[in-house]
Amino acid sequence: MSVDLFAGIAVRDYATAVAWYERLLGAGPSFLPNDTEAVWEIAEHRYVFIEVRPENAGHAIHTLFVSDFDSRISEIAARGLRPAKSETYENGVRKATFRDPDGNEIGYGGGPA
């Protein structure tokens, strides 16, 4: 089975959100479908996009599981972002949760250290 994913995040301010997600994801958008959306390909056929929808901003909760958790979090920190919350679950899985300017939560999860 093939899986493609488009995970949407409603934001209030386009320019502010694009700048923040560039720092979080480490690159500019993969493409810009129109004046109110920006799309990042985070893995083949898997995308995160922002869309200006002020009435819905701040309610997204997404988690990306990565194999390079420590280096990914360090790279994000080098770009000036710090997790709002860091957790280690009983099974050793770790999660770092970031909040964008609207309060949307984007987490990174990874296996035990």
PDB file of N, CA and C in Angstrom:
ATOM      1  N   MET A   1       0.841  -1.174   0.000  1.00  0.00           N
ATOM      2  CA  MET A   1       0.000   0.000   0.000  1.00  0.00           C
ATOM      3  C   MET A   1       0.884   1.233   0.000  1.00  0.00           C
ATOM      4  N   SER A   2       0.583   2.169  -0.853  1.00  0.00           N
ATOM      5  CA  SER A   2       1.295   3.438  -0.919  1.00  0.00           C
ATOM      6  C   SER A   2       0.547   4.466  -0.080  1.00  0.00           C
ATOM      7  N   VAL A   3       1.299   5.298   0.627  1.00  0.00           N
ATOM      8  CA  VAL A   3       0.671   6.325   1.464  1.00  0.00           C
ATOM      9  C   VAL A   3       1.280   7.682   1.144  1.00  0.00           C
ATOM     10  N   ASP A   4       0.438   8.635   0.821  1.00  0.00           N
ATOM     11  CA  ASP A   4       0.824  10.023   0.684  1.00  0.00           C
ATOM     12  C   ASP A   4       0.149  10.767   1.828  1.00  0.00           C
ATOM     13  N   LEU A   5       0.775  11.821   2.306  1.00  0.00           N
ATOM     14  CA  LEU A   5       0.209  12.566   3.424  1.00  0.00           C
ATOM     15  C   LEU A   5       0.356  14.059   3.189  1.00  0.00           C
ATOM     16  N   PHE A   6      -0.717  14.797   3.414  1.00  0.00           N
ATOM     17  CA  PHE A   6      -0.714  16.259   3.462  1.00  0.00           C
ATOM     18  C   PHE A   6      -1.291  16.641   4.816  1.00  0.00           C
ATOM     19  N   ALA A   7      -0.441  17.111   5.727  1.00  0.00           N
ATOM     20  CA  ALA A   7      -0.878  17.500   7.064  1.00  0.00           C
ATOM     21  C   ALA A   7      -0.957  19.019   7.115  1.00  0.00           C
ATOM     22  N   GLY A   8      -2.164  19.545   7.305  1.00  0.00           N
ATOM     23  CA  GLY A   8      -2.391  20.980   7.262  1.00  0.00           C
ATOM     24  C   GLY A   8      -2.340  21.638   8.621  1.00  0.00           C
ATOM     25  N   ILE A   9      -1.878  22.890   8.618  1.00  0.00           N
ATOM     26  CA  ILE A   9      -1.757  23.686   9.838  1.00  0.00           C
ATOM     27  C   ILE A   9      -2.321  25.076   9.539  1.00  0.00           C
ATOM     28  N   ALA A  10      -3.384  25.436  10.237  1.00  0.00           N
ATOM     29  CA  ALA A  10      -3.981  26.761  10.057  1.00  0.00           C
ATOM     30  C   ALA A  10      -3.173  27.792  10.833  1.00  0.00           C
ATOM     31  N   VAL A  11      -2.901  28.927  10.176  1.00  0.00           N
ATOM     32  CA  VAL A  11      -2.123  30.011  10.790  1.00  0.00           C
ATOM     33  C   VAL A  11      -2.832  31.345  10.567  1.00  0.00           C
ATOM     34  N   ARG A  12      -2.430  32.325  11.355  1.00  0.00           N
ATOM     35  CA  ARG A  12      -3.007  33.667  11.219  1.00  0.00           C
ATOM     36  C   ARG A  12      -2.238  34.533  10.225  1.00  0.00           C
ATOM     37  N   ASP A  13      -0.911  34.522  10.349  1.00  0.00           N
ATOM     38  CA  ASP A  13      -0.070  35.427   9.562  1.00  0.00           C
ATOM     39  C   ASP A  13       0.878  34.614   8.686  1.00  0.00           C
ATOM     40  N   TYR A  14       0.760  34.771   7.389  1.00  0.00           N
ATOM     41  CA  TYR A  14       1.526  33.984   6.432  1.00  0.00           C
ATOM     42  C   TYR A  14       3.039  34.181   6.584  1.00  0.00           C
ATOM     43  N   ALA A  15       3.502  35.409   6.540  1.00  0.00           N
ATOM     44  CA  ALA A  15       4.945  35.678   6.585  1.00  0.00           C
ATOM     45  C   ALA A  15       5.575  35.185   7.885  1.00  0.00           C
ATOM     46  N   THR A  16       4.911  35.421   8.998  1.00  0.00           N
ATOM     47  CA  THR A  16       5.422  34.964  10.293  1.00  0.00           C
ATOM     48  C   THR A  16       5.502  33.447  10.333  1.00  0.00           C
ATOM     49  N   ALA A  17       4.468  32.783   9.852  1.00  0.00           N
ATOM     50  CA  ALA A  17       4.432  31.320   9.869  1.00  0.00           C
ATOM     51  C   ALA A  17       5.482  30.724   8.940  1.00  0.00           C
ATOM     52  N   VAL A  18       5.622  31.261   7.735  1.00  0.00           N
ATOM     53  CA  VAL A  18       6.635  30.736   6.802  1.00  0.00           C
ATOM     54  C   VAL A  18       8.021  30.845   7.433  1.00  0.00           C
ATOM     55  N   ALA A  19       8.343  31.983   8.019  1.00  0.00           N
ATOM     56  CA  ALA A  19       9.662  32.161   8.644  1.00  0.00           C
ATOM     57  C   ALA A  19       9.870  31.164   9.779  1.00  0.00           C
ATOM     58  N   TRP A  20       8.854  30.945  10.607  1.00  0.00           N
ATOM     59  CA  TRP A  20       8.987  30.024  11.732  1.00  0.00           C
ATOM     60  C   TRP A  20       9.159  28.583  11.249  1.00  0.00           C
ATOM     61  N   TYR A  21       8.364  28.157  10.282  1.00  0.00           N
ATOM     62  CA  TYR A  21       8.461  26.787   9.784  1.00  0.00           C
ATOM     63  C   TYR A  21       9.753  26.555   9.004  1.00  0.00           C
ATOM     64  N   GLU A  22      10.296  27.582   8.377  1.00  0.00           N
ATOM     65  CA  GLU A  22      11.607  27.460   7.745  1.00  0.00           C
ATOM     66  C   GLU A  22      12.667  27.142   8.797  1.00  0.00           C
ATOM     67  N   ARG A  23      12.587  27.800   9.951  1.00  0.00           N
ATOM     68  CA  ARG A  23      13.535  27.510  11.031  1.00  0.00           C
ATOM     69  C   ARG A  23      13.309  26.118  11.599  1.00  0.00           C
ATOM     70  N   LEU A  24      12.054  25.729  11.798  1.00  0.00           N
ATOM     71  CA  LEU A  24      11.772  24.404  12.342  1.00  0.00           C
ATOM     72  C   LEU A  24      12.219  23.298  11.385  1.00  0.00           C
ATOM     73  N   LEU A  25      11.871  23.436  10.114  1.00  0.00           N
ATOM     74  CA  LEU A  25      12.107  22.359   9.146  1.00  0.00           C
ATOM     75  C   LEU A  25      13.450  22.467   8.427  1.00  0.00           C
ATOM     76  N   GLY A  26      14.135  23.583   8.592  1.00  0.00           N
ATOM     77  CA  GLY A  26      15.480  23.714   8.054  1.00  0.00           C
ATOM     78  C   GLY A  26      15.585  24.068   6.587  1.00  0.00           C
ATOM     79  N   ALA A  27      14.492  24.488   5.989  1.00  0.00           N
ATOM     80  CA  ALA A  27      14.501  24.847   4.570  1.00  0.00           C
ATOM     81  C   ALA A  27      13.267  25.667   4.246  1.00  0.00           C
ATOM     82  N   GLY A  28      13.331  26.344   3.118  1.00  0.00           N
ATOM     83  CA  GLY A  28      12.162  27.062   2.637  1.00  0.00           C
ATOM     84  C   GLY A  28      11.130  26.069   2.122  1.00  0.00           C
ATOM     85  N   PRO A  29       9.947  26.552   1.812  1.00  0.00           N
ATOM     86  CA  PRO A  29       8.889  25.680   1.301  1.00  0.00           C
ATOM     87  C   PRO A  29       9.316  24.957   0.027  1.00  0.00           C
ATOM     88  N   SER A  30       8.809  23.752  -0.138  1.00  0.00           N
ATOM     89  CA  SER A  30       9.052  22.983  -1.363  1.00  0.00           C
ATOM     90  C   SER A  30       8.294  23.572  -2.537  1.00  0.00           C
ATOM     91  N   PHE A  31       7.101  24.089  -2.247  1.00  0.00           N
ATOM     92  CA  PHE A  31       6.353  24.818  -3.265  1.00  0.00           C
ATOM     93  C   PHE A  31       5.293  25.688  -2.606  1.00  0.00           C
ATOM     94  N   LEU A  32       4.847  26.672  -3.377  1.00  0.00           N
ATOM     95  CA  LEU A  32       3.855  27.656  -2.919  1.00  0.00           C
ATOM     96  C   LEU A  32       2.665  27.581  -3.863  1.00  0.00           C
ATOM     97  N   PRO A  33       1.604  26.872  -3.477  1.00  0.00           N
ATOM     98  CA  PRO A  33       0.479  26.710  -4.391  1.00  0.00           C
ATOM     99  C   PRO A  33      -0.310  27.987  -4.663  1.00  0.00           C
ATOM    100  N   ASN A  34      -0.290  28.928  -3.715  1.00  0.00           N
ATOM    101  CA  ASN A  34      -1.010  30.191  -3.882  1.00  0.00           C
ATOM    102  C   ASN A  34      -0.493  31.181  -2.837  1.00  0.00           C
ATOM    103  N   ASP A  35      -1.153  32.316  -2.695  1.00  0.00           N
ATOM    104  CA  ASP A  35      -0.704  33.377  -1.785  1.00  0.00           C
ATOM    105  C   ASP A  35      -0.968  33.099  -0.309  1.00  0.00           C
ATOM    106  N   THR A  36      -1.702  32.045   0.010  1.00  0.00           N
ATOM    107  CA  THR A  36      -2.056  31.787   1.406  1.00  0.00           C
ATOM    108  C   THR A  36      -1.578  30.431   1.913  1.00  0.00           C
ATOM    109  N   GLU A  37      -0.826  29.697   1.077  1.00  0.00           N
ATOM    110  CA  GLU A  37      -0.341  28.374   1.472  1.00  0.00           C
ATOM    111  C   GLU A  37       1.148  28.231   1.157  1.00  0.00           C
ATOM    112  N   ALA A  38       1.830  27.444   1.992  1.00  0.00           N
ATOM    113  CA  ALA A  38       3.213  27.056   1.747  1.00  0.00           C
ATOM    114  C   ALA A  38       3.328  25.589   2.137  1.00  0.00           C
ATOM    115  N   VAL A  39       4.073  24.821   1.330  1.00  0.00           N
ATOM    116  CA  VAL A  39       4.138  23.375   1.503  1.00  0.00           C
ATOM    117  C   VAL A  39       5.593  22.928   1.613  1.00  0.00           C
ATOM    118  N   TRP A  40       5.870  22.070   2.610  1.00  0.00           N
ATOM    119  CA  TRP A  40       7.198  21.467   2.788  1.00  0.00           C
ATOM    120  C   TRP A  40       7.069  19.963   2.608  1.00  0.00           C
ATOM    121  N   GLU A  41       7.925  19.374   1.784  1.00  0.00           N
ATOM    122  CA  GLU A  41       7.973  17.922   1.678  1.00  0.00           C
ATOM    123  C   GLU A  41       8.945  17.434   2.749  1.00  0.00           C
ATOM    124  N   ILE A  42       8.450  16.698   3.725  1.00  0.00           N
ATOM    125  CA  ILE A  42       9.296  16.253   4.838  1.00  0.00           C
ATOM    126  C   ILE A  42       9.856  14.854   4.600  1.00  0.00           C
ATOM    127  N   ALA A  43       9.265  14.116   3.696  1.00  0.00           N
ATOM    128  CA  ALA A  43       9.738  12.815   3.226  1.00  0.00           C
ATOM    129  C   ALA A  43       9.008  12.573   1.906  1.00  0.00           C
ATOM    130  N   GLU A  44       9.463  11.611   1.143  1.00  0.00           N
ATOM    131  CA  GLU A  44       8.838  11.378  -0.154  1.00  0.00           C
ATOM    132  C   GLU A  44       7.334  11.159   0.000  1.00  0.00           C
ATOM    133  N   HIS A  45       6.587  11.994  -0.700  1.00  0.00           N
ATOM    134  CA  HIS A  45       5.116  11.933  -0.707  1.00  0.00           C
ATOM    135  C   HIS A  45       4.480  12.241   0.647  1.00  0.00           C
ATOM    136  N   ARG A  46       5.209  12.936   1.510  1.00  0.00           N
ATOM    137  CA  ARG A  46       4.679  13.312   2.826  1.00  0.00           C
ATOM    138  C   ARG A  46       4.958  14.794   3.048  1.00  0.00           C
ATOM    139  N   TYR A  47       3.897  15.548   3.232  1.00  0.00           N
ATOM    140  CA  TYR A  47       3.993  16.997   3.252  1.00  0.00           C
ATOM    141  C   TYR A  47       3.352  17.592   4.503  1.00  0.00           C
ATOM    142  N   VAL A  48       3.900  18.726   4.919  1.00  0.00           N
ATOM    143  CA  VAL A  48       3.291  19.577   5.933  1.00  0.00           C
ATOM    144  C   VAL A  48       3.016  20.897   5.223  1.00  0.00           C
ATOM    145  N   PHE A  49       1.824  21.426   5.410  1.00  0.00           N
ATOM    146  CA  PHE A  49       1.546  22.714   4.790  1.00  0.00           C
ATOM    147  C   PHE A  49       0.878  23.649   5.786  1.00  0.00           C
ATOM    148  N   ILE A  50       1.135  24.925   5.579  1.00  0.00           N
ATOM    149  CA  ILE A  50       0.434  25.963   6.341  1.00  0.00           C
ATOM    150  C   ILE A  50      -0.554  26.625   5.405  1.00  0.00           C
ATOM    151  N   GLU A  51      -1.637  27.090   5.992  1.00  0.00           N
ATOM    152  CA  GLU A  51      -2.647  27.821   5.224  1.00  0.00           C
ATOM    153  C   GLU A  51      -3.209  28.915   6.112  1.00  0.00           C
ATOM    154  N   VAL A  52      -3.332  30.105   5.566  1.00  0.00           N
ATOM    155  CA  VAL A  52      -3.912  31.206   6.332  1.00  0.00           C
ATOM    156  C   VAL A  52      -5.400  30.935   6.498  1.00  0.00           C
ATOM    157  N   ARG A  53      -5.762  30.638   7.741  1.00  0.00           N
ATOM    158  CA  ARG A  53      -7.148  30.390   8.142  1.00  0.00           C
ATOM    159  C   ARG A  53      -7.259  30.840   9.591  1.00  0.00           C
ATOM    160  N   PRO A  54      -7.292  32.150   9.828  1.00  0.00           N
ATOM    161  CA  PRO A  54      -7.227  32.691  11.194  1.00  0.00           C
ATOM    162  C   PRO A  54      -8.251  32.091  12.152  1.00  0.00           C
ATOM    163  N   GLU A  55      -9.427  31.760  11.661  1.00  0.00           N
ATOM    164  CA  GLU A  55     -10.478  31.242  12.530  1.00  0.00           C
ATOM    165  C   GLU A  55     -10.153  29.852  13.081  1.00  0.00           C
ATOM    166  N   ASN A  56      -9.192  29.154  12.451  1.00  0.00           N
ATOM    167  CA  ASN A  56      -8.817  27.810  12.896  1.00  0.00           C
ATOM    168  C   ASN A  56      -7.394  27.722  13.442  1.00  0.00           C
ATOM    169  N   ALA A  57      -6.678  28.824  13.467  1.00  0.00           N
ATOM    170  CA  ALA A  57      -5.268  28.808  13.866  1.00  0.00           C
ATOM    171  C   ALA A  57      -5.098  28.361  15.313  1.00  0.00           C
ATOM    172  N   GLY A  58      -4.016  27.632  15.544  1.00  0.00           N
ATOM    173  CA  GLY A  58      -3.640  27.254  16.898  1.00  0.00           C
ATOM    174  C   GLY A  58      -4.154  25.920  17.383  1.00  0.00           C
ATOM    175  N   HIS A  59      -4.790  25.133  16.527  1.00  0.00           N
ATOM    176  CA  HIS A  59      -5.393  23.886  16.982  1.00  0.00           C
ATOM    177  C   HIS A  59      -4.716  22.622  16.439  1.00  0.00           C
ATOM    178  N   ALA A  60      -3.667  22.755  15.636  1.00  0.00           N
ATOM    179  CA  ALA A  60      -3.005  21.578  15.066  1.00  0.00           C
ATOM    180  C   ALA A  60      -2.126  20.886  16.105  1.00  0.00           C
ATOM    181  N   ILE A  61      -2.082  19.569  16.015  1.00  0.00           N
ATOM    182  CA  ILE A  61      -1.194  18.754  16.839  1.00  0.00           C
ATOM    183  C   ILE A  61      -0.646  17.658  15.923  1.00  0.00           C
ATOM    184  N   HIS A  62       0.628  17.776  15.544  1.00  0.00           N
ATOM    185  CA  HIS A  62       1.269  16.793  14.668  1.00  0.00           C
ATOM    186  C   HIS A  62       2.566  16.329  15.309  1.00  0.00           C
ATOM    187  N   THR A  63       2.913  15.071  15.116  1.00  0.00           N
ATOM    188  CA  THR A  63       4.188  14.537  15.585  1.00  0.00           C
ATOM    189  C   THR A  63       4.871  13.816  14.438  1.00  0.00           C
ATOM    190  N   LEU A  64       6.150  14.138  14.240  1.00  0.00           N
ATOM    191  CA  LEU A  64       6.974  13.493  13.225  1.00  0.00           C
ATOM    192  C   LEU A  64       7.973  12.586  13.937  1.00  0.00           C
ATOM    193  N   PHE A  65       7.982  11.307  13.618  1.00  0.00           N
ATOM    194  CA  PHE A  65       8.967  10.403  14.203  1.00  0.00           C
ATOM    195  C   PHE A  65      10.174  10.339  13.278  1.00  0.00           C
ATOM    196  N   VAL A  66      11.353  10.538  13.857  1.00  0.00           N
ATOM    197  CA  VAL A  66      12.587  10.586  13.078  1.00  0.00           C
ATOM    198  C   VAL A  66      13.625   9.646  13.682  1.00  0.00           C
ATOM    199  N   SER A  67      14.500   9.126  12.844  1.00  0.00           N
ATOM    200  CA  SER A  67      15.541   8.217  13.316  1.00  0.00           C
ATOM    201  C   SER A  67      16.747   8.972  13.864  1.00  0.00           C
ATOM    202  N   ASP A  68      16.852  10.248  13.525  1.00  0.00           N
ATOM    203  CA  ASP A  68      17.992  11.075  13.952  1.00  0.00           C
ATOM    204  C   ASP A  68      17.550  12.121  14.977  1.00  0.00           C
ATOM    205  N   PHE A  69      16.804  11.698  15.978  1.00  0.00           N
ATOM    206  CA  PHE A  69      16.176  12.599  16.939  1.00  0.00           C
ATOM    207  C   PHE A  69      17.161  13.611  17.532  1.00  0.00           C
ATOM    208  N   ASP A  70      18.271  13.149  18.097  1.00  0.00           N
ATOM    209  CA  ASP A  70      19.205  14.058  18.769  1.00  0.00           C
ATOM    210  C   ASP A  70      19.774  15.104  17.822  1.00  0.00           C
ATOM    211  N   SER A  71      20.231  14.668  16.662  1.00  0.00           N
ATOM    212  CA  SER A  71      20.797  15.645  15.732  1.00  0.00           C
ATOM    213  C   SER A  71      19.724  16.588  15.195  1.00  0.00           C
ATOM    214  N   ARG A  72      18.527  16.086  14.976  1.00  0.00           N
ATOM    215  CA  ARG A  72      17.435  16.934  14.480  1.00  0.00           C
ATOM    216  C   ARG A  72      17.113  18.035  15.482  1.00  0.00           C
ATOM    217  N   ILE A  73      16.995  17.684  16.757  1.00  0.00           N
ATOM    218  CA  ILE A  73      16.674  18.671  17.785  1.00  0.00           C
ATOM    219  C   ILE A  73      17.814  19.672  17.935  1.00  0.00           C
ATOM    220  N   SER A  74      19.054  19.202  17.835  1.00  0.00           N
ATOM    221  CA  SER A  74      20.217  20.101  17.900  1.00  0.00           C
ATOM    222  C   SER A  74      20.231  21.076  16.730  1.00  0.00           C
ATOM    223  N   GLU A  75      19.909  20.593  15.537  1.00  0.00           N
ATOM    224  CA  GLU A  75      19.869  21.458  14.359  1.00  0.00           C
ATOM    225  C   GLU A  75      18.784  22.521  14.494  1.00  0.00           C
ATOM    226  N   ILE A  76      17.636  22.131  15.013  1.00  0.00           N
ATOM    227  CA  ILE A  76      16.547  23.091  15.222  1.00  0.00           C
ATOM    228  C   ILE A  76      16.970  24.137  16.250  1.00  0.00           C
ATOM    229  N   ALA A  77      17.635  23.710  17.321  1.00  0.00           N
ATOM    230  CA  ALA A  77      18.122  24.645  18.349  1.00  0.00           C
ATOM    231  C   ALA A  77      19.122  25.626  17.748  1.00  0.00           C
ATOM    232  N   ALA A  78      19.974  25.150  16.842  1.00  0.00           N
ATOM    233  CA  ALA A  78      20.952  26.029  16.195  1.00  0.00           C
ATOM    234  C   ALA A  78      20.273  27.086  15.331  1.00  0.00           C
ATOM    235  N   ARG A  79      19.052  26.812  14.910  1.00  0.00           N
ATOM    236  CA  ARG A  79      18.277  27.782  14.128  1.00  0.00           C
ATOM    237  C   ARG A  79      17.416  28.671  15.017  1.00  0.00           C
ATOM    238  N   GLY A  80      17.591  28.546  16.342  1.00  0.00           N
ATOM    239  CA  GLY A  80      16.956  29.469  17.277  1.00  0.00           C
ATOM    240  C   GLY A  80      15.647  29.037  17.889  1.00  0.00           C
ATOM    241  N   LEU A  81      15.238  27.792  17.709  1.00  0.00           N
ATOM    242  CA  LEU A  81      13.983  27.330  18.306  1.00  0.00           C
ATOM    243  C   LEU A  81      14.282  26.317  19.405  1.00  0.00           C
ATOM    244  N   ARG A  82      13.538  26.399  20.476  1.00  0.00           N
ATOM    245  CA  ARG A  82      13.657  25.464  21.591  1.00  0.00           C
ATOM    246  C   ARG A  82      12.303  24.796  21.814  1.00  0.00           C
ATOM    247  N   PRO A  83      12.305  23.524  22.199  1.00  0.00           N
ATOM    248  CA  PRO A  83      11.026  22.869  22.466  1.00  0.00           C
ATOM    249  C   PRO A  83      10.301  23.523  23.639  1.00  0.00           C
ATOM    250  N   ALA A  84       9.000  23.619  23.526  1.00  0.00           N
ATOM    251  CA  ALA A  84       8.176  24.110  24.629  1.00  0.00           C
ATOM    252  C   ALA A  84       8.064  23.031  25.699  1.00  0.00           C
ATOM    253  N   LYS A  85       8.245  21.773  25.274  1.00  0.00           N
ATOM    254  CA  LYS A  85       8.100  20.644  26.193  1.00  0.00           C
ATOM    255  C   LYS A  85       8.961  19.488  25.681  1.00  0.00           C
ATOM    256  N   SER A  86       9.653  18.822  26.603  1.00  0.00           N
ATOM    257  CA  SER A  86      10.431  17.629  26.277  1.00  0.00           C
ATOM    258  C   SER A  86       9.998  16.508  27.210  1.00  0.00           C
ATOM    259  N   GLU A  87       9.792  15.320  26.653  1.00  0.00           N
ATOM    260  CA  GLU A  87       9.311  14.193  27.451  1.00  0.00           C
ATOM    261  C   GLU A  87      10.071  12.925  27.080  1.00  0.00           C
ATOM    262  N   THR A  88      10.175  12.021  28.047  1.00  0.00           N
ATOM    263  CA  THR A  88      10.650  10.666  27.794  1.00  0.00           C
ATOM    264  C   THR A  88       9.614   9.732  28.404  1.00  0.00           C
ATOM    265  N   TYR A  89       9.066   8.871  27.571  1.00  0.00           N
ATOM    266  CA  TYR A  89       8.029   7.952  28.018  1.00  0.00           C
ATOM    267  C   TYR A  89       8.655   6.712  28.666  1.00  0.00           C
ATOM    268  N   GLU A  90       7.850   5.941  29.363  1.00  0.00           N
ATOM    269  CA  GLU A  90       8.327   4.752  30.075  1.00  0.00           C
ATOM    270  C   GLU A  90       9.087   3.783  29.174  1.00  0.00           C
ATOM    271  N   ASN A  91       8.703   3.711  27.905  1.00  0.00           N
ATOM    272  CA  ASN A  91       9.366   2.792  26.973  1.00  0.00           C
ATOM    273  C   ASN A  91      10.637   3.383  26.363  1.00  0.00           C
ATOM    274  N   GLY A  92      11.027   4.580  26.803  1.00  0.00           N
ATOM    275  CA  GLY A  92      12.245   5.214  26.324  1.00  0.00           C
ATOM    276  C   GLY A  92      12.066   6.139  25.134  1.00  0.00           C
ATOM    277  N   VAL A  93      10.901   6.140  24.527  1.00  0.00           N
ATOM    278  CA  VAL A  93      10.638   7.034  23.404  1.00  0.00           C
ATOM    279  C   VAL A  93      10.668   8.477  23.900  1.00  0.00           C
ATOM    280  N   ARG A  94      11.323   9.323  23.138  1.00  0.00           N
ATOM    281  CA  ARG A  94      11.443  10.734  23.503  1.00  0.00           C
ATOM    282  C   ARG A  94      10.617  11.600  22.557  1.00  0.00           C
ATOM    283  N   LYS A  95      10.158  12.726  23.078  1.00  0.00           N
ATOM    284  CA  LYS A  95       9.372  13.660  22.267  1.00  0.00           C
ATOM    285  C   LYS A  95       9.723  15.080  22.660  1.00  0.00           C
ATOM    286  N   ALA A  96       9.952  15.898  21.639  1.00  0.00           N
ATOM    287  CA  ALA A  96      10.177  17.336  21.822  1.00  0.00           C
ATOM    288  C   ALA A  96       9.046  18.055  21.100  1.00  0.00           C
ATOM    289  N   THR A  97       8.308  18.874  21.827  1.00  0.00           N
ATOM    290  CA  THR A  97       7.159  19.567  21.254  1.00  0.00           C
ATOM    291  C   THR A  97       7.485  21.044  21.086  1.00  0.00           C
ATOM    292  N   PHE A  98       7.307  21.529  19.872  1.00  0.00           N
ATOM    293  CA  PHE A  98       7.499  22.938  19.536  1.00  0.00           C
ATOM    294  C   PHE A  98       6.126  23.558  19.319  1.00  0.00           C
ATOM    295  N   ARG A  99       5.998  24.834  19.631  1.00  0.00           N
ATOM    296  CA  ARG A  99       4.746  25.556  19.383  1.00  0.00           C
ATOM    297  C   ARG A  99       5.044  26.740  18.476  1.00  0.00           C
ATOM    298  N   ASP A 100       4.301  26.835  17.393  1.00  0.00           N
ATOM    299  CA  ASP A 100       4.482  27.958  16.479  1.00  0.00           C
ATOM    300  C   ASP A 100       3.852  29.214  17.079  1.00  0.00           C
ATOM    301  N   PRO A 101       3.991  30.368  16.431  1.00  0.00           N
ATOM    302  CA  PRO A 101       3.450  31.609  16.994  1.00  0.00           C
ATOM    303  C   PRO A 101       1.942  31.591  17.258  1.00  0.00           C
ATOM    304  N   ASP A 102       1.196  30.701  16.604  1.00  0.00           N
ATOM    305  CA  ASP A 102      -0.249  30.598  16.824  1.00  0.00           C
ATOM    306  C   ASP A 102      -0.603  29.569  17.892  1.00  0.00           C
ATOM    307  N   GLY A 103       0.383  28.811  18.368  1.00  0.00           N
ATOM    308  CA  GLY A 103       0.117  27.785  19.373  1.00  0.00           C
ATOM    309  C   GLY A 103      -0.036  26.381  18.816  1.00  0.00           C
ATOM    310  N   ASN A 104       0.066  26.213  17.493  1.00  0.00           N
ATOM    311  CA  ASN A 104       0.040  24.871  16.908  1.00  0.00           C
ATOM    312  C   ASN A 104       1.222  24.066  17.438  1.00  0.00           C
ATOM    313  N   GLU A 105       0.996  22.792  17.720  1.00  0.00           N
ATOM    314  CA  GLU A 105       2.049  21.928  18.262  1.00  0.00           C
ATOM    315  C   GLU A 105       2.618  21.028  17.168  1.00  0.00           C
ATOM    316  N   ILE A 106       3.946  21.081  17.029  1.00  0.00           N
ATOM    317  CA  ILE A 106       4.641  20.193  16.129  1.00  0.00           C
ATOM    318  C   ILE A 106       5.676  19.455  16.974  1.00  0.00           C
ATOM    319  N   GLY A 107       5.496  18.171  17.103  1.00  0.00           N
ATOM    320  CA  GLY A 107       6.405  17.372  17.912  1.00  0.00           C
ATOM    321  C   GLY A 107       7.342  16.555  17.056  1.00  0.00           C
ATOM    322  N   TYR A 108       8.517  16.281  17.612  1.00  0.00           N
ATOM    323  CA  TYR A 108       9.448  15.324  17.013  1.00  0.00           C
ATOM    324  C   TYR A 108       9.592  14.196  18.009  1.00  0.00           C
ATOM    325  N   GLY A 109       9.443  12.964  17.551  1.00  0.00           N
ATOM    326  CA  GLY A 109       9.605  11.807  18.401  1.00  0.00           C
ATOM    327  C   GLY A 109      10.744  10.946  17.910  1.00  0.00           C
ATOM    328  N   GLY A 110      11.356  10.229  18.833  1.00  0.00           N
ATOM    329  CA  GLY A 110      12.447   9.337  18.477  1.00  0.00           C
ATOM    330  C   GLY A 110      12.647   8.281  19.530  1.00  0.00           C
ATOM    331  N   GLY A 111      13.358   7.248  19.159  1.00  0.00           N
ATOM    332  CA  GLY A 111      13.606   6.138  20.052  1.00  0.00           C
ATOM    333  C   GLY A 111      14.524   6.502  21.210  1.00  0.00           C
ATOM    334  N   PRO A 112      14.791   5.527  22.044  1.00  0.00           N
ATOM    335  CA  PRO A 112      15.670   5.753  23.198  1.00  0.00           C
ATOM    336  C   PRO A 112      17.041   6.270  22.776  1.00  0.00           C
ATOM    337  N   ALA A 113      17.667   7.010  23.659  1.00  0.00           N
ATOM    338  CA  ALA A 113      18.998   7.580  23.367  1.00  0.00           C
ATOM    339  C   ALA A 113      20.025   6.481  23.243  1.00  0.00           C
TER     340      ALA A 113
END
